[in-house]
Amino acid sequence: MNYRHAFHAGNFADVIKHIVLVRILTYLQEKPAPFRVIDSHAGAGLYDLTGEEAIRGGEWATGIARVLQARFTDAAGDLIKPYLDIVRAFNPQRDMTAYPGSPLIARALLRPQDSMVASELEPLARKQLINALRRDTQARVVDLDGWQALTAFVPPKERRGLVLIDPSFEQKDEFERLAAGFSTAYAKWPTGTYQLWYPAKNRRLTEALADHVATVAAAGGEGKCLRLEFSVAPQQPDGALTSTGLLVVNPPWTLASELRVILPELERPLGQGGVSRYRLELPRS
């Protein structure tokens, strides 16, 4: 598949991915020691929802727009609120005109002692990301292939943090590259937290990736792998993406219980033609 993000910004997959991202970083904030975010495939940083690509895709209307309008229980609402507050900060006039990508969401949660390195190889997206971060001294944008960045930037000097691996899946071998890239990074930094995103269209590929990541994580002795998949409609082999997946290695101990509160309340607003469904598990290694 070709996942050009400008067409899909703010869709259901972004909502799930970014809620998890915010919950991980919120947990890391609980200790005063600094942490680092390493975003291997950072993208443009901020997406114009009034632009041609977003209008053609229109996916934000069934993603973030619905979640902003949904009513949640107090428990779920408290957990989702930090994410929604960040999105609202980029839309001060209330109308949805912009959606922040993962580097800007992560930047919003960095404390003065924290830092981020964001890798983006595509020239236009990299320029847009640099402009979005406005030469931020805590957030470094590098002109480097994301798979090379995984080797170059782990382990960070802080020895705490998150590696976000979110490739575009424009290449046919992207699942294999994701598995190999994670393995290389994890071998260098087995105590870091890793969040891997994938499109859940091909069951053979997704099962192989989950099994590989869980096995690599467990080989270190203490590593755990939390797997989340969220489907807004039955996935058709040649259809648009309706199922998204995340693997979180070394997740915060609170994350699974938080997601058990959050995910059931996202099923109705994100469902397309009915209520959506999710799976949340620790894959066997």
Protein backbone atom coordinates (compact mmCIF):
# COMPACT_ATOMS: atom_id res chain seq x y z
CA MET A 1 0.00 0.00 0.00
CA ASN A 2 1.00 3.63 -0.43
CA TYR A 3 0.24 5.52 2.77
CA ARG A 4 0.87 9.18 1.92
CA HIS A 5 -0.01 10.74 5.21
CA ALA A 6 -1.38 14.05 3.98
CA PHE A 7 -4.38 12.14 2.58
CA HIS A 8 -5.03 10.35 5.85
CA ALA A 9 -4.13 12.86 8.58
CA GLY A 10 -6.46 12.69 11.54
CA ASN A 11 -8.08 9.42 10.50
CA PHE A 12 -9.00 6.59 12.86
CA ALA A 13 -5.48 5.12 12.67
CA ASP A 14 -3.96 8.44 13.75
CA VAL A 15 -6.41 8.70 16.62
CA ILE A 16 -5.48 5.26 17.98
CA LYS A 17 -1.74 5.72 17.38
CA HIS A 18 -1.59 9.16 18.95
CA ILE A 19 -3.70 8.32 21.99
CA VAL A 20 -1.24 5.53 22.74
CA LEU A 21 1.70 7.87 22.09
CA VAL A 22 0.31 10.40 24.57
CA ARG A 23 -0.35 7.77 27.24
CA ILE A 24 3.26 6.49 26.96
CA LEU A 25 4.78 9.97 27.18
CA THR A 26 2.48 10.94 30.04
CA TYR A 27 3.81 7.93 31.92
CA LEU A 28 7.41 8.89 31.19
CA GLN A 29 6.72 12.32 32.66
CA GLU A 30 6.05 10.79 36.07
CA LYS A 31 9.77 10.51 36.84
CA PRO A 32 11.92 13.67 36.92
CA ALA A 33 14.77 12.09 34.95
CA PRO A 34 14.91 13.26 31.32
CA PHE A 35 13.73 11.14 28.41
CA ARG A 36 14.16 11.26 24.65
CA VAL A 37 11.71 10.62 21.83
CA ILE A 38 13.16 9.16 18.62
CA ASP A 39 10.75 9.39 15.67
CA SER A 40 12.22 7.38 12.80
CA HIS A 41 9.72 8.35 10.08
CA ALA A 42 8.49 11.70 11.31
CA GLY A 43 6.61 13.15 8.34
CA ALA A 44 5.67 16.80 7.87
CA GLY A 45 4.65 17.44 11.47
CA LEU A 46 1.49 19.45 10.80
CA TYR A 47 -1.19 18.70 8.21
CA ASP A 48 -3.54 21.22 6.63
CA LEU A 49 -7.05 19.77 6.73
CA THR A 50 -8.25 22.46 4.30
CA GLY A 51 -5.65 21.47 1.70
CA GLU A 52 -6.31 19.49 -1.46
CA GLU A 53 -4.89 16.20 -0.20
CA ALA A 54 -6.84 16.20 3.07
CA ILE A 55 -10.03 17.23 1.30
CA ARG A 56 -9.62 14.42 -1.23
CA GLY A 57 -9.04 11.91 1.54
CA GLY A 58 -11.55 13.37 3.96
CA GLU A 59 -10.65 10.71 6.51
CA TRP A 60 -10.32 13.12 9.43
CA ALA A 61 -14.09 13.62 9.32
CA THR A 62 -14.62 10.01 10.44
CA GLY A 63 -11.62 10.08 12.76
CA ILE A 64 -10.58 12.98 14.96
CA ALA A 65 -13.74 15.00 14.17
CA ARG A 66 -15.95 12.28 15.60
CA VAL A 67 -13.80 11.78 18.68
CA LEU A 68 -13.86 15.51 19.44
CA GLN A 69 -17.65 15.40 19.38
CA ALA A 70 -18.06 12.13 21.29
CA ARG A 71 -19.11 11.84 24.91
CA PHE A 72 -16.98 9.67 27.16
CA THR A 73 -17.25 8.43 30.71
CA ASP A 74 -15.18 10.34 33.23
CA ALA A 75 -12.57 7.56 33.36
CA ALA A 76 -12.05 7.39 29.59
CA GLY A 77 -12.39 11.12 29.13
CA ASP A 78 -9.62 11.85 31.61
CA LEU A 79 -7.26 9.50 29.75
CA ILE A 80 -8.11 10.85 26.29
CA LYS A 81 -8.15 14.53 27.31
CA PRO A 82 -4.38 15.22 27.05
CA TYR A 83 -4.42 14.07 23.41
CA LEU A 84 -7.52 16.09 22.55
CA ASP A 85 -6.10 19.17 24.29
CA ILE A 86 -3.03 19.01 22.02
CA VAL A 87 -5.20 18.73 18.91
CA ARG A 88 -7.39 21.62 20.05
CA ALA A 89 -4.31 23.78 20.64
CA PHE A 90 -3.63 23.65 16.90
CA ASN A 91 -7.23 24.67 16.18
CA PRO A 92 -7.87 27.66 18.45
CA GLN A 93 -10.89 28.81 16.41
CA ARG A 94 -12.66 25.50 17.13
CA ASP A 95 -13.07 24.64 13.43
CA MET A 96 -10.75 21.76 12.50
CA THR A 97 -8.19 23.15 10.07
CA ALA A 98 -4.98 21.38 11.13
CA TYR A 99 -3.89 18.07 12.56
CA PRO A 100 -0.54 17.57 14.34
CA GLY A 101 1.57 14.57 13.44
CA SER A 102 3.51 12.50 15.95
CA PRO A 103 6.52 14.85 16.28
CA LEU A 104 4.37 17.83 17.23
CA ILE A 105 2.25 15.75 19.59
CA ALA A 106 5.42 14.45 21.24
CA ARG A 107 6.90 17.95 21.37
CA ALA A 108 3.87 19.18 23.29
CA LEU A 109 4.70 16.68 26.04
CA LEU A 110 8.42 17.35 26.39
CA ARG A 111 9.51 18.99 29.62
CA PRO A 112 12.53 21.33 29.69
CA GLN A 113 14.87 18.42 30.46
CA ASP A 114 13.54 16.20 27.63
CA SER A 115 14.46 16.06 23.94
CA MET A 116 13.42 14.64 20.59
CA VAL A 117 15.13 13.66 17.36
CA ALA A 118 12.91 13.35 14.29
CA SER A 119 14.17 11.74 11.10
CA GLU A 120 12.62 12.58 7.75
CA LEU A 121 14.24 11.89 4.37
CA GLU A 122 11.65 13.33 1.97
CA PRO A 123 12.76 16.95 1.29
CA LEU A 124 9.36 18.70 1.31
CA ALA A 125 8.13 16.90 4.41
CA ARG A 126 11.43 17.59 6.17
CA LYS A 127 11.22 21.30 5.33
CA GLN A 128 7.65 21.46 6.61
CA LEU A 129 8.67 19.73 9.83
CA ILE A 130 11.58 22.14 10.38
CA ASN A 131 9.20 25.06 9.85
CA ALA A 132 6.64 23.54 12.22
CA LEU A 133 9.22 23.14 14.99
CA ARG A 134 10.66 26.63 14.38
CA ARG A 135 14.27 25.72 15.19
CA ASP A 136 13.25 24.29 18.54
CA THR A 137 16.36 23.63 20.63
CA GLN A 138 14.80 20.52 22.20
CA ALA A 139 13.70 18.97 18.91
CA ARG A 140 16.25 18.10 16.26
CA VAL A 141 15.21 17.26 12.68
CA VAL A 142 17.68 15.14 10.73
CA ASP A 143 18.00 14.36 7.04
CA LEU A 144 18.40 10.64 7.46
CA ASP A 145 16.68 7.46 6.31
CA GLY A 146 14.48 6.22 9.12
CA TRP A 147 16.00 2.75 9.18
CA GLN A 148 19.47 4.24 9.52
CA ALA A 149 18.22 6.54 12.28
CA LEU A 150 17.27 3.54 14.40
CA THR A 151 20.90 2.46 14.46
CA ALA A 152 22.30 5.97 14.78
CA PHE A 153 20.29 7.28 17.72
CA VAL A 154 19.91 4.37 20.13
CA PRO A 155 20.66 4.13 22.90
CA PRO A 156 20.11 7.79 23.81
CA LYS A 157 22.29 9.32 26.49
CA GLU A 158 19.22 9.70 28.73
CA ARG A 159 18.67 5.92 28.73
CA ARG A 160 14.93 6.61 29.02
CA GLY A 161 12.47 7.25 26.26
CA LEU A 162 10.39 6.12 23.33
CA VAL A 163 11.27 5.02 19.79
CA LEU A 164 8.36 5.57 17.42
CA ILE A 165 8.61 3.55 14.18
CA ASP A 166 5.88 4.60 11.78
CA PRO A 167 6.93 3.97 8.14
CA SER A 168 4.78 4.90 5.16
CA PHE A 169 4.55 1.33 3.81
CA GLU A 170 5.30 2.53 0.30
CA GLN A 171 7.70 -0.38 -0.29
CA LYS A 172 6.58 -3.99 -0.70
CA ASP A 173 9.11 -5.22 1.85
CA GLU A 174 8.17 -2.70 4.55
CA PHE A 175 6.98 -5.36 7.02
CA GLU A 176 10.32 -7.13 6.73
CA ARG A 177 12.19 -3.83 7.11
CA LEU A 178 10.11 -2.96 10.16
CA ALA A 179 10.94 -6.30 11.79
CA ALA A 180 14.64 -5.95 10.97
CA GLY A 181 14.82 -2.30 12.01
CA PHE A 182 13.22 -3.01 15.36
CA SER A 183 15.52 -5.98 15.97
CA THR A 184 18.61 -3.88 15.29
CA ALA A 185 17.50 -1.05 17.56
CA TYR A 186 16.35 -3.38 20.33
CA ALA A 187 19.67 -5.19 20.34
CA LYS A 188 21.37 -1.86 21.07
CA TRP A 189 18.75 -0.60 23.54
CA PRO A 190 16.65 -3.39 25.08
CA THR A 191 15.31 -1.23 27.92
CA GLY A 192 13.70 1.44 25.74
CA THR A 193 10.02 1.62 24.90
CA TYR A 194 9.14 1.04 21.24
CA GLN A 195 5.89 1.85 19.46
CA LEU A 196 5.55 0.22 16.02
CA TRP A 197 2.68 1.06 13.68
CA TYR A 198 1.45 -1.15 10.84
CA PRO A 199 -1.57 -1.37 8.52
CA ALA A 200 -3.54 -4.50 9.35
CA LYS A 201 -4.54 -5.55 5.83
CA ASN A 202 -2.71 -8.84 5.38
CA ARG A 203 -3.14 -11.34 8.20
CA ARG A 204 -0.10 -13.38 7.25
CA LEU A 205 2.18 -10.34 7.37
CA THR A 206 0.74 -8.92 10.57
CA GLU A 207 0.95 -12.23 12.43
CA ALA A 208 4.53 -12.76 11.30
CA LEU A 209 5.50 -9.27 12.45
CA ALA A 210 3.82 -9.63 15.85
CA ASP A 211 5.39 -13.04 16.43
CA HIS A 212 8.84 -11.75 15.46
CA VAL A 213 8.68 -8.65 17.65
CA ALA A 214 7.36 -10.59 20.66
CA THR A 215 10.07 -13.21 20.26
CA VAL A 216 12.85 -10.63 20.00
CA ALA A 217 11.52 -8.75 23.02
CA ALA A 218 11.25 -11.89 25.13
CA ALA A 219 14.75 -13.04 24.21
CA GLY A 220 16.18 -10.36 26.48
CA GLY A 221 14.46 -11.92 29.46
CA GLU A 222 12.18 -9.12 30.64
CA GLY A 223 10.85 -7.65 27.39
CA LYS A 224 7.10 -7.56 26.89
CA CYS A 225 5.11 -6.80 23.75
CA LEU A 226 1.60 -5.35 23.87
CA ARG A 227 -0.38 -5.78 20.66
CA LEU A 228 -3.34 -3.62 19.70
CA GLU A 229 -5.46 -3.81 16.56
CA PHE A 230 -8.48 -1.62 15.90
CA SER A 231 -10.90 -2.16 13.01
CA VAL A 232 -13.57 0.32 12.02
CA ALA A 233 -15.05 -2.01 9.37
CA PRO A 234 -14.19 -5.39 7.85
CA GLN A 235 -10.90 -5.09 5.98
CA GLN A 236 -11.11 -5.84 2.26
CA PRO A 237 -7.84 -6.97 0.58
CA ASP A 238 -8.01 -4.31 -2.14
CA GLY A 239 -10.02 -1.74 -0.21
CA ALA A 240 -9.12 1.33 1.83
CA LEU A 241 -7.45 0.78 5.17
CA THR A 242 -9.99 -0.05 7.88
CA SER A 243 -7.78 -1.87 10.40
CA THR A 244 -4.75 -0.43 12.16
CA GLY A 245 -2.17 -2.14 14.36
CA LEU A 246 0.33 -1.19 17.05
CA LEU A 247 3.02 -3.14 18.84
CA VAL A 248 4.39 -1.59 22.03
CA VAL A 249 7.54 -3.18 23.41
CA ASN A 250 8.36 -2.52 27.06
CA PRO A 251 5.03 -0.72 27.54
CA PRO A 252 4.34 1.26 30.69
CA TRP A 253 2.76 -1.08 33.23
CA THR A 254 -0.33 1.15 33.22
CA LEU A 255 -0.89 1.12 29.45
CA ALA A 256 -2.89 -2.09 29.03
CA SER A 257 -5.34 -1.19 31.79
CA GLU A 258 -5.74 2.33 30.41
CA LEU A 259 -6.47 1.00 26.93
CA ARG A 260 -9.10 -1.35 28.34
CA VAL A 261 -10.89 1.77 29.54
CA ILE A 262 -10.34 3.84 26.40
CA LEU A 263 -10.84 1.44 23.50
CA PRO A 264 -14.43 0.30 24.18
CA GLU A 265 -15.53 3.94 24.13
CA LEU A 266 -13.89 4.56 20.76
CA GLU A 267 -15.71 1.68 19.08
CA ARG A 268 -18.92 3.59 18.41
CA PRO A 269 -17.60 7.01 17.27
CA LEU A 270 -14.94 5.50 15.01
CA GLY A 271 -17.07 2.73 13.52
CA GLN A 272 -17.91 3.01 9.83
CA GLY A 273 -21.32 1.52 9.07
CA GLY A 274 -21.53 0.06 12.57
CA VAL A 275 -19.61 -0.34 15.78
CA SER A 276 -15.90 -1.03 15.35
CA ARG A 277 -13.92 -3.66 17.26
CA TYR A 278 -10.50 -4.09 18.80
CA ARG A 279 -8.10 -6.70 20.11
CA LEU A 280 -5.59 -6.12 22.88
CA GLU A 281 -3.19 -8.85 23.95
CA LEU A 282 0.32 -9.86 24.91
CA PRO A 283 1.49 -12.11 22.01
CA ARG A 284 3.03 -15.40 23.02
CA SER A 285 6.74 -15.64 22.31
